[in-house]
Amino acid sequence: MSKLLVFDSGVGGLSVAREIRRALPAAEMIYVADDAGFPYGGREDADLTQRVVGLIAGLIRQFAPDAVVIGCNTASTLVLPPLRARFTLPFVGTVPAIKPAAERTRSGLISVLATPGTMQRDYTRGLIESFAGHCAVRLVGSANLAPLAEAFMRGEPVDDAAILTEIAPAFVEEDGRHTDFVVLACTHYPFLKGRFERLAPWPVAWLDPAPAIARRVVDVLGRGRSDGPGGGMARLTSGRSWPTALLPVLSDLSLRPGADSVASEAGTA
């Protein structure tokens, strides 16, 4: 049975874990949310790289996974090269789904809804230059949407107006054409997709990267045995208990919540 480490800045990466569990029901999964460091979007590159590499190095030492998934666009654009240089096990990152959006758009107007960190990365702009040169791409960097999604997932009230303020810039009208694809370039955002659809000024396709990540994990690990449900654990780097509202989500993923802190090679997380 394969053992998989799934790491994210918070609990939004559970959207990725959900798709992986569907694809690999028998896998043992360790899900770690860096709630002590959340949010990542506004952190300096060097600080974020040191933190994430240190945390993942400690988790690899502790759990010896067969592969690691970085379920965070902001972190993936920074930490994959140093991690791959240091460790021989496979790493699966999360990058904005700009290529499929550019291939499928009819209007030629697509938007990328991201954190400020992901929006500013050269990697993101490189994807646009490589795959979306024929499109008009609007980059929308939101500092508030990931925290709003995190609050929503914890069962806290989130105002429609606050969500609409964040997504409104992604909707562009130009010469009678309208944005028809919005790339969800943060794994927190799919949990708000129902609210996005209801609040959007017109219908668009919202591209969630999680299914593609799950397919890549299957390519890396193979399907293996699938004759029984997998297990695993979910941990918060702060050592706090998991919010009650998320316990059913963890149960559906066959993950037991842990409450102990996570060690880091860069120091205590």
C-alpha atoms as a PDB file:
ATOM      1  CA  MET A   1       0.000   0.000   0.000  1.00  0.00           C
ATOM      2  CA  SER A   2       1.395   3.405  -0.971  1.00  0.00           C
ATOM      3  CA  LYS A   3       2.008   6.103   1.624  1.00  0.00           C
ATOM      4  CA  LEU A   4       1.412   9.661   0.486  1.00  0.00           C
ATOM      5  CA  LEU A   5       2.186  12.970   2.180  1.00  0.00           C
ATOM      6  CA  VAL A   6      -0.144  15.821   1.170  1.00  0.00           C
ATOM      7  CA  PHE A   7       0.964  19.264   2.351  1.00  0.00           C
ATOM      8  CA  ASP A   8      -0.864  22.589   2.100  1.00  0.00           C
ATOM      9  CA  SER A   9      -0.769  26.045   3.638  1.00  0.00           C
ATOM     10  CA  GLY A  10      -4.107  25.334   5.323  1.00  0.00           C
ATOM     11  CA  VAL A  11      -7.151  23.139   5.024  1.00  0.00           C
ATOM     12  CA  GLY A  12      -7.914  24.063   1.407  1.00  0.00           C
ATOM     13  CA  GLY A  13      -5.695  21.232   0.201  1.00  0.00           C
ATOM     14  CA  LEU A  14      -8.379  18.842   1.387  1.00  0.00           C
ATOM     15  CA  SER A  15      -9.888  19.517  -2.051  1.00  0.00           C
ATOM     16  CA  VAL A  16      -6.807  17.800  -3.487  1.00  0.00           C
ATOM     17  CA  ALA A  17      -6.871  15.026  -0.883  1.00  0.00           C
ATOM     18  CA  ARG A  18     -10.501  14.344  -1.803  1.00  0.00           C
ATOM     19  CA  GLU A  19      -9.640  13.704  -5.451  1.00  0.00           C
ATOM     20  CA  ILE A  20      -6.611  11.594  -4.536  1.00  0.00           C
ATOM     21  CA  ARG A  21      -8.731   9.465  -2.229  1.00  0.00           C
ATOM     22  CA  ARG A  22     -11.210   8.860  -5.047  1.00  0.00           C
ATOM     23  CA  ALA A  23      -8.376   7.803  -7.353  1.00  0.00           C
ATOM     24  CA  LEU A  24      -6.432   5.792  -4.738  1.00  0.00           C
ATOM     25  CA  PRO A  25      -8.912   4.566  -2.135  1.00  0.00           C
ATOM     26  CA  ALA A  26      -6.415   2.188  -0.493  1.00  0.00           C
ATOM     27  CA  ALA A  27      -3.547   4.647  -0.074  1.00  0.00           C
ATOM     28  CA  GLU A  28      -2.288   5.668   3.349  1.00  0.00           C
ATOM     29  CA  MET A  29      -2.412   9.458   3.408  1.00  0.00           C
ATOM     30  CA  ILE A  30      -0.809  11.929   5.798  1.00  0.00           C
ATOM     31  CA  TYR A  31      -2.358  15.363   5.377  1.00  0.00           C
ATOM     32  CA  VAL A  32      -0.544  18.298   6.976  1.00  0.00           C
ATOM     33  CA  ALA A  33      -1.979  21.819   7.020  1.00  0.00           C
ATOM     34  CA  ASP A  34       0.443  24.586   7.939  1.00  0.00           C
ATOM     35  CA  ASP A  35      -2.097  26.607   9.860  1.00  0.00           C
ATOM     36  CA  ALA A  36       0.696  28.100  11.985  1.00  0.00           C
ATOM     37  CA  GLY A  37       2.142  29.691   8.833  1.00  0.00           C
ATOM     38  CA  PHE A  38      -1.125  30.493   7.014  1.00  0.00           C
ATOM     39  CA  PRO A  39      -1.642  32.412   4.776  1.00  0.00           C
ATOM     40  CA  TYR A  40       1.274  32.020   2.369  1.00  0.00           C
ATOM     41  CA  GLY A  41       0.196  34.543  -0.260  1.00  0.00           C
ATOM     42  CA  GLY A  42       1.943  37.580   1.198  1.00  0.00           C
ATOM     43  CA  ARG A  43       5.099  35.967   2.604  1.00  0.00           C
ATOM     44  CA  GLU A  44       8.574  36.772   1.268  1.00  0.00           C
ATOM     45  CA  ASP A  45      10.010  34.126  -1.058  1.00  0.00           C
ATOM     46  CA  ALA A  46      13.083  33.289   1.035  1.00  0.00           C
ATOM     47  CA  ASP A  47      11.076  33.034   4.256  1.00  0.00           C
ATOM     48  CA  LEU A  48       8.431  30.838   2.668  1.00  0.00           C
ATOM     49  CA  THR A  49      10.982  28.566   1.009  1.00  0.00           C
ATOM     50  CA  GLN A  50      12.893  28.041   4.246  1.00  0.00           C
ATOM     51  CA  ARG A  51       9.720  27.295   6.169  1.00  0.00           C
ATOM     52  CA  VAL A  52       8.151  24.867   3.726  1.00  0.00           C
ATOM     53  CA  VAL A  53      11.356  22.991   2.878  1.00  0.00           C
ATOM     54  CA  GLY A  54      12.120  22.634   6.588  1.00  0.00           C
ATOM     55  CA  LEU A  55       8.642  21.361   7.386  1.00  0.00           C
ATOM     56  CA  ILE A  56       8.534  18.865   4.537  1.00  0.00           C
ATOM     57  CA  ALA A  57      12.047  17.612   5.302  1.00  0.00           C
ATOM     58  CA  GLY A  58      10.947  16.899   8.865  1.00  0.00           C
ATOM     59  CA  LEU A  59       7.774  15.165   7.683  1.00  0.00           C
ATOM     60  CA  ILE A  60       9.704  13.000   5.221  1.00  0.00           C
ATOM     61  CA  ARG A  61      12.047  11.959   8.014  1.00  0.00           C
ATOM     62  CA  GLN A  62       9.117  11.151  10.296  1.00  0.00           C
ATOM     63  CA  PHE A  63       6.738   9.374   7.903  1.00  0.00           C
ATOM     64  CA  ALA A  64       8.920   8.089   5.028  1.00  0.00           C
ATOM     65  CA  PRO A  65       6.255   8.637   2.322  1.00  0.00           C
ATOM     66  CA  ASP A  66       6.491   7.155  -1.159  1.00  0.00           C
ATOM     67  CA  ALA A  67       5.599  10.533  -2.694  1.00  0.00           C
ATOM     68  CA  VAL A  68       4.804  14.087  -1.624  1.00  0.00           C
ATOM     69  CA  VAL A  69       2.045  16.335  -2.971  1.00  0.00           C
ATOM     70  CA  ILE A  70       2.422  20.092  -2.486  1.00  0.00           C
ATOM     71  CA  GLY A  71      -1.238  21.102  -2.568  1.00  0.00           C
ATOM     72  CA  CYS A  72      -0.501  24.817  -2.763  1.00  0.00           C
ATOM     73  CA  ASN A  73       0.158  26.933  -5.843  1.00  0.00           C
ATOM     74  CA  THR A  74       2.074  29.602  -3.920  1.00  0.00           C
ATOM     75  CA  ALA A  75       4.478  27.092  -2.371  1.00  0.00           C
ATOM     76  CA  SER A  76       4.816  24.882  -5.447  1.00  0.00           C
ATOM     77  CA  THR A  77       6.190  27.692  -7.574  1.00  0.00           C
ATOM     78  CA  LEU A  78       9.039  28.110  -5.067  1.00  0.00           C
ATOM     79  CA  VAL A  79       9.905  24.913  -3.223  1.00  0.00           C
ATOM     80  CA  LEU A  80       9.773  22.134  -5.808  1.00  0.00           C
ATOM     81  CA  PRO A  81      13.306  22.735  -7.198  1.00  0.00           C
ATOM     82  CA  PRO A  82      15.090  22.656  -3.786  1.00  0.00           C
ATOM     83  CA  LEU A  83      13.049  19.662  -2.641  1.00  0.00           C
ATOM     84  CA  ARG A  84      13.746  17.691  -5.813  1.00  0.00           C
ATOM     85  CA  ALA A  85      17.440  18.531  -5.527  1.00  0.00           C
ATOM     86  CA  ARG A  86      17.544  17.225  -1.957  1.00  0.00           C
ATOM     87  CA  PHE A  87      15.324  14.130  -2.069  1.00  0.00           C
ATOM     88  CA  THR A  88      14.945  11.310  -4.563  1.00  0.00           C
ATOM     89  CA  LEU A  89      11.270  10.546  -3.906  1.00  0.00           C
ATOM     90  CA  PRO A  90       8.641  11.987  -6.310  1.00  0.00           C
ATOM     91  CA  PHE A  91       7.103  15.406  -5.688  1.00  0.00           C
ATOM     92  CA  VAL A  92       3.821  16.440  -7.304  1.00  0.00           C
ATOM     93  CA  GLY A  93       3.192  20.163  -7.340  1.00  0.00           C
ATOM     94  CA  THR A  94       0.185  22.358  -7.999  1.00  0.00           C
ATOM     95  CA  VAL A  95       0.337  24.941 -10.767  1.00  0.00           C
ATOM     96  CA  PRO A  96      -2.361  27.161 -12.280  1.00  0.00           C
ATOM     97  CA  ALA A  97      -4.392  25.330 -14.931  1.00  0.00           C
ATOM     98  CA  ILE A  98      -3.661  27.968 -17.554  1.00  0.00           C
ATOM     99  CA  LYS A  99      -2.899  25.535 -20.375  1.00  0.00           C
ATOM    100  CA  PRO A 100      -6.299  23.719 -20.342  1.00  0.00           C
ATOM    101  CA  ALA A 101      -8.128  27.037 -19.985  1.00  0.00           C
ATOM    102  CA  ALA A 102      -6.316  28.441 -23.005  1.00  0.00           C
ATOM    103  CA  GLU A 103      -7.044  25.292 -25.016  1.00  0.00           C
ATOM    104  CA  ARG A 104     -10.770  25.337 -24.234  1.00  0.00           C
ATOM    105  CA  THR A 105     -11.724  29.015 -24.204  1.00  0.00           C
ATOM    106  CA  ARG A 106     -14.011  30.246 -26.949  1.00  0.00           C
ATOM    107  CA  SER A 107     -13.984  33.932 -26.103  1.00  0.00           C
ATOM    108  CA  GLY A 108     -10.209  34.168 -25.677  1.00  0.00           C
ATOM    109  CA  LEU A 109     -10.744  35.854 -22.305  1.00  0.00           C
ATOM    110  CA  ILE A 110      -9.588  33.844 -19.295  1.00  0.00           C
ATOM    111  CA  SER A 111      -8.829  34.855 -15.728  1.00  0.00           C
ATOM    112  CA  VAL A 112      -6.550  33.384 -13.098  1.00  0.00           C
ATOM    113  CA  LEU A 113      -7.864  33.744  -9.560  1.00  0.00           C
ATOM    114  CA  ALA A 114      -4.872  33.369  -7.243  1.00  0.00           C
ATOM    115  CA  THR A 115      -3.055  34.606  -4.169  1.00  0.00           C
ATOM    116  CA  PRO A 116      -0.804  37.636  -4.672  1.00  0.00           C
ATOM    117  CA  GLY A 117       2.238  35.367  -4.382  1.00  0.00           C
ATOM    118  CA  THR A 118       1.128  33.032  -7.166  1.00  0.00           C
ATOM    119  CA  MET A 119       0.074  35.954  -9.352  1.00  0.00           C
ATOM    120  CA  GLN A 120       3.503  37.593  -9.096  1.00  0.00           C
ATOM    121  CA  ARG A 121       5.600  34.479  -9.757  1.00  0.00           C
ATOM    122  CA  ASP A 122       7.642  34.296 -12.946  1.00  0.00           C
ATOM    123  CA  TYR A 123       6.446  30.675 -13.182  1.00  0.00           C
ATOM    124  CA  THR A 124       2.837  31.820 -13.600  1.00  0.00           C
ATOM    125  CA  ARG A 125       3.769  34.359 -16.234  1.00  0.00           C
ATOM    126  CA  GLY A 126       5.843  31.716 -17.984  1.00  0.00           C
ATOM    127  CA  LEU A 127       2.778  29.482 -18.252  1.00  0.00           C
ATOM    128  CA  ILE A 128       0.872  32.334 -19.854  1.00  0.00           C
ATOM    129  CA  GLU A 129       3.659  33.009 -22.354  1.00  0.00           C
ATOM    130  CA  SER A 130       4.016  29.314 -23.205  1.00  0.00           C
ATOM    131  CA  PHE A 131       0.371  28.290 -23.488  1.00  0.00           C
ATOM    132  CA  ALA A 132      -1.900  31.335 -23.609  1.00  0.00           C
ATOM    133  CA  GLY A 133      -0.217  33.742 -25.987  1.00  0.00           C
ATOM    134  CA  HIS A 134      -3.383  33.846 -28.103  1.00  0.00           C
ATOM    135  CA  CYS A 135      -5.558  34.794 -25.111  1.00  0.00           C
ATOM    136  CA  ALA A 136      -6.164  37.853 -22.999  1.00  0.00           C
ATOM    137  CA  VAL A 137      -5.357  36.667 -19.474  1.00  0.00           C
ATOM    138  CA  ARG A 138      -6.471  38.628 -16.420  1.00  0.00           C
ATOM    139  CA  LEU A 139      -4.434  37.854 -13.286  1.00  0.00           C
ATOM    140  CA  VAL A 140      -6.451  38.477 -10.132  1.00  0.00           C
ATOM    141  CA  GLY A 141      -4.427  38.333  -6.913  1.00  0.00           C
ATOM    142  CA  SER A 142      -6.632  38.156  -3.845  1.00  0.00           C
ATOM    143  CA  ALA A 143      -5.163  38.442  -0.355  1.00  0.00           C
ATOM    144  CA  ASN A 144      -8.541  37.750   1.260  1.00  0.00           C
ATOM    145  CA  LEU A 145     -10.120  34.861  -0.622  1.00  0.00           C
ATOM    146  CA  ALA A 146      -8.066  32.022   0.909  1.00  0.00           C
ATOM    147  CA  PRO A 147      -8.804  33.233   4.472  1.00  0.00           C
ATOM    148  CA  LEU A 148     -12.491  33.542   3.521  1.00  0.00           C
ATOM    149  CA  ALA A 149     -12.457  29.957   2.228  1.00  0.00           C
ATOM    150  CA  GLU A 150     -10.680  28.795   5.381  1.00  0.00           C
ATOM    151  CA  ALA A 151     -13.336  30.477   7.526  1.00  0.00           C
ATOM    152  CA  PHE A 152     -16.121  28.972   5.416  1.00  0.00           C
ATOM    153  CA  MET A 153     -14.662  25.493   5.851  1.00  0.00           C
ATOM    154  CA  ARG A 154     -14.457  25.980   9.610  1.00  0.00           C
ATOM    155  CA  GLY A 155     -18.192  26.642   9.617  1.00  0.00           C
ATOM    156  CA  GLU A 156     -17.927  30.384  10.178  1.00  0.00           C
ATOM    157  CA  PRO A 157     -20.274  32.799   8.367  1.00  0.00           C
ATOM    158  CA  VAL A 158     -18.809  34.380   5.227  1.00  0.00           C
ATOM    159  CA  ASP A 159     -20.623  37.301   3.657  1.00  0.00           C
ATOM    160  CA  ASP A 160     -21.584  37.127  -0.030  1.00  0.00           C
ATOM    161  CA  ALA A 161     -20.445  40.698  -0.565  1.00  0.00           C
ATOM    162  CA  ALA A 162     -16.949  39.870   0.684  1.00  0.00           C
ATOM    163  CA  ILE A 163     -16.661  36.977  -1.789  1.00  0.00           C
ATOM    164  CA  LEU A 164     -18.058  39.006  -4.689  1.00  0.00           C
ATOM    165  CA  THR A 165     -15.536  41.783  -4.050  1.00  0.00           C
ATOM    166  CA  GLU A 166     -12.725  39.280  -4.531  1.00  0.00           C
ATOM    167  CA  ILE A 167     -14.005  37.515  -7.651  1.00  0.00           C
ATOM    168  CA  ALA A 168     -15.536  40.502  -9.499  1.00  0.00           C
ATOM    169  CA  PRO A 169     -12.236  41.570 -11.179  1.00  0.00           C
ATOM    170  CA  ALA A 170     -12.058  38.130 -12.855  1.00  0.00           C
ATOM    171  CA  PHE A 171     -15.045  38.971 -15.052  1.00  0.00           C
ATOM    172  CA  VAL A 172     -14.059  40.933 -18.154  1.00  0.00           C
ATOM    173  CA  GLU A 173     -16.151  42.241 -21.054  1.00  0.00           C
ATOM    174  CA  GLU A 174     -14.330  43.222 -24.230  1.00  0.00           C
ATOM    175  CA  ASP A 175     -15.722  43.882 -27.706  1.00  0.00           C
ATOM    176  CA  GLY A 176     -18.849  41.848 -27.007  1.00  0.00           C
ATOM    177  CA  ARG A 177     -16.853  38.940 -25.569  1.00  0.00           C
ATOM    178  CA  HIS A 178     -16.917  37.773 -21.958  1.00  0.00           C
ATOM    179  CA  THR A 179     -14.571  35.822 -19.738  1.00  0.00           C
ATOM    180  CA  ASP A 180     -15.546  32.153 -20.088  1.00  0.00           C
ATOM    181  CA  PHE A 181     -12.884  30.371 -17.979  1.00  0.00           C
ATOM    182  CA  VAL A 182     -11.637  31.206 -14.493  1.00  0.00           C
ATOM    183  CA  VAL A 183      -8.634  29.240 -13.249  1.00  0.00           C
ATOM    184  CA  LEU A 184      -8.823  28.487  -9.520  1.00  0.00           C
ATOM    185  CA  ALA A 185      -5.127  28.882  -8.720  1.00  0.00           C
ATOM    186  CA  CYS A 186      -5.454  28.124  -5.020  1.00  0.00           C
ATOM    187  CA  THR A 187      -6.620  24.817  -3.563  1.00  0.00           C
ATOM    188  CA  HIS A 188      -8.796  26.632  -1.038  1.00  0.00           C
ATOM    189  CA  TYR A 189     -11.020  28.096  -3.728  1.00  0.00           C
ATOM    190  CA  PRO A 190     -12.884  24.955  -4.904  1.00  0.00           C
ATOM    191  CA  PHE A 191     -14.644  24.790  -1.536  1.00  0.00           C
ATOM    192  CA  LEU A 192     -16.277  28.122  -2.404  1.00  0.00           C
ATOM    193  CA  LYS A 193     -17.183  27.107  -5.945  1.00  0.00           C
ATOM    194  CA  GLY A 194     -20.906  26.889  -5.183  1.00  0.00           C
ATOM    195  CA  ARG A 195     -20.841  30.454  -3.868  1.00  0.00           C
ATOM    196  CA  PHE A 196     -18.808  31.606  -6.878  1.00  0.00           C
ATOM    197  CA  GLU A 197     -21.360  30.127  -9.274  1.00  0.00           C
ATOM    198  CA  ARG A 198     -24.245  31.808  -7.485  1.00  0.00           C
ATOM    199  CA  LEU A 199     -22.563  35.221  -7.273  1.00  0.00           C
ATOM    200  CA  ALA A 200     -20.958  35.332 -10.727  1.00  0.00           C
ATOM    201  CA  PRO A 201     -22.350  37.990 -13.106  1.00  0.00           C
ATOM    202  CA  TRP A 202     -22.501  35.334 -15.868  1.00  0.00           C
ATOM    203  CA  PRO A 203     -21.763  31.599 -16.108  1.00  0.00           C
ATOM    204  CA  VAL A 204     -18.112  30.570 -16.542  1.00  0.00           C
ATOM    205  CA  ALA A 205     -16.143  27.332 -16.269  1.00  0.00           C
ATOM    206  CA  TRP A 206     -14.221  27.223 -12.986  1.00  0.00           C
ATOM    207  CA  LEU A 207     -11.068  25.113 -13.426  1.00  0.00           C
ATOM    208  CA  ASP A 208     -10.169  23.120 -10.308  1.00  0.00           C
ATOM    209  CA  PRO A 209      -6.630  21.627 -10.434  1.00  0.00           C
ATOM    210  CA  ALA A 210      -7.392  18.761  -8.024  1.00  0.00           C
ATOM    211  CA  PRO A 211      -8.479  16.099 -10.583  1.00  0.00           C
ATOM    212  CA  ALA A 212      -5.322  16.658 -12.634  1.00  0.00           C
ATOM    213  CA  ILE A 213      -3.171  16.408  -9.502  1.00  0.00           C
ATOM    214  CA  ALA A 214      -4.840  13.108  -8.583  1.00  0.00           C
ATOM    215  CA  ARG A 215      -4.180  11.739 -12.079  1.00  0.00           C
ATOM    216  CA  ARG A 216      -0.527  12.700 -11.759  1.00  0.00           C
ATOM    217  CA  VAL A 217      -0.266  10.969  -8.379  1.00  0.00           C
ATOM    218  CA  VAL A 218      -1.683   7.793  -9.944  1.00  0.00           C
ATOM    219  CA  ASP A 219       0.910   8.067 -12.724  1.00  0.00           C
ATOM    220  CA  VAL A 220       3.667   8.364 -10.110  1.00  0.00           C
ATOM    221  CA  LEU A 221       2.520   5.686  -7.668  1.00  0.00           C
ATOM    222  CA  GLY A 222       0.387   3.368  -9.786  1.00  0.00           C
ATOM    223  CA  ARG A 223      -2.977   2.252  -8.532  1.00  0.00           C
ATOM    224  CA  GLY A 224      -1.668  -0.636  -6.423  1.00  0.00           C
ATOM    225  CA  ARG A 225      -4.119  -2.632  -4.380  1.00  0.00           C
ATOM    226  CA  SER A 226      -7.576  -1.135  -4.033  1.00  0.00           C
ATOM    227  CA  ASP A 227      -9.448  -3.889  -2.231  1.00  0.00           C
ATOM    228  CA  GLY A 228     -10.104  -1.917   0.932  1.00  0.00           C
ATOM    229  CA  PRO A 229     -10.387   1.627   2.259  1.00  0.00           C
ATOM    230  CA  GLY A 230      -7.163   3.431   3.000  1.00  0.00           C
ATOM    231  CA  GLY A 231      -6.402   5.290   6.196  1.00  0.00           C
ATOM    232  CA  GLY A 232      -4.086   7.948   7.463  1.00  0.00           C
ATOM    233  CA  MET A 233      -3.998  11.031   9.608  1.00  0.00           C
ATOM    234  CA  ALA A 234      -4.479  14.784   9.361  1.00  0.00           C
ATOM    235  CA  ARG A 235      -2.372  17.216  11.365  1.00  0.00           C
ATOM    236  CA  LEU A 236      -2.126  20.958  11.912  1.00  0.00           C
ATOM    237  CA  THR A 237       1.345  22.455  12.336  1.00  0.00           C
ATOM    238  CA  SER A 238       0.088  24.524  15.280  1.00  0.00           C
ATOM    239  CA  GLY A 239      -0.824  21.370  17.214  1.00  0.00           C
ATOM    240  CA  ARG A 240      -4.352  22.694  17.710  1.00  0.00           C
ATOM    241  CA  SER A 241      -7.380  20.439  17.474  1.00  0.00           C
ATOM    242  CA  TRP A 242      -9.186  20.263  14.158  1.00  0.00           C
ATOM    243  CA  PRO A 243     -12.316  22.429  13.840  1.00  0.00           C
ATOM    244  CA  THR A 244     -15.493  20.478  14.502  1.00  0.00           C
ATOM    245  CA  ALA A 245     -16.948  21.502  11.126  1.00  0.00           C
ATOM    246  CA  LEU A 246     -14.108  19.695   9.337  1.00  0.00           C
ATOM    247  CA  LEU A 247     -14.322  16.388  11.201  1.00  0.00           C
ATOM    248  CA  PRO A 248     -16.924  14.958   8.750  1.00  0.00           C
ATOM    249  CA  VAL A 249     -14.631  15.903   5.851  1.00  0.00           C
ATOM    250  CA  LEU A 250     -11.724  14.071   7.477  1.00  0.00           C
ATOM    251  CA  SER A 251     -13.949  11.087   8.165  1.00  0.00           C
ATOM    252  CA  ASP A 252     -15.009  10.914   4.507  1.00  0.00           C
ATOM    253  CA  LEU A 253     -11.306  10.873   3.588  1.00  0.00           C
ATOM    254  CA  SER A 254     -10.588   8.117   6.157  1.00  0.00           C
ATOM    255  CA  LEU A 255      -8.227  10.475   7.990  1.00  0.00           C
ATOM    256  CA  ARG A 256      -8.021  10.553  11.764  1.00  0.00           C
ATOM    257  CA  PRO A 257      -7.325  14.020  13.215  1.00  0.00           C
ATOM    258  CA  GLY A 258      -4.108  14.460  15.171  1.00  0.00           C
ATOM    259  CA  ALA A 259      -3.392  17.225  17.660  1.00  0.00           C
ATOM    260  CA  ASP A 260       0.386  17.049  18.105  1.00  0.00           C
ATOM    261  CA  SER A 261       2.714  19.666  16.616  1.00  0.00           C
ATOM    262  CA  VAL A 262       4.869  19.024  13.557  1.00  0.00           C
ATOM    263  CA  ALA A 263       8.659  19.144  13.736  1.00  0.00           C
ATOM    264  CA  SER A 264      10.685  21.044  11.166  1.00  0.00           C
ATOM    265  CA  GLU A 265      14.313  20.744  10.154  1.00  0.00           C
ATOM    266  CA  ALA A 266      14.358  24.530  10.135  1.00  0.00           C
ATOM    267  CA  GLY A 267      13.210  24.628  13.770  1.00  0.00           C
ATOM    268  CA  THR A 268       9.946  24.074  15.569  1.00  0.00           C
ATOM    269  CA  ALA A 269       6.983  24.884  13.348  1.00  0.00           C
END
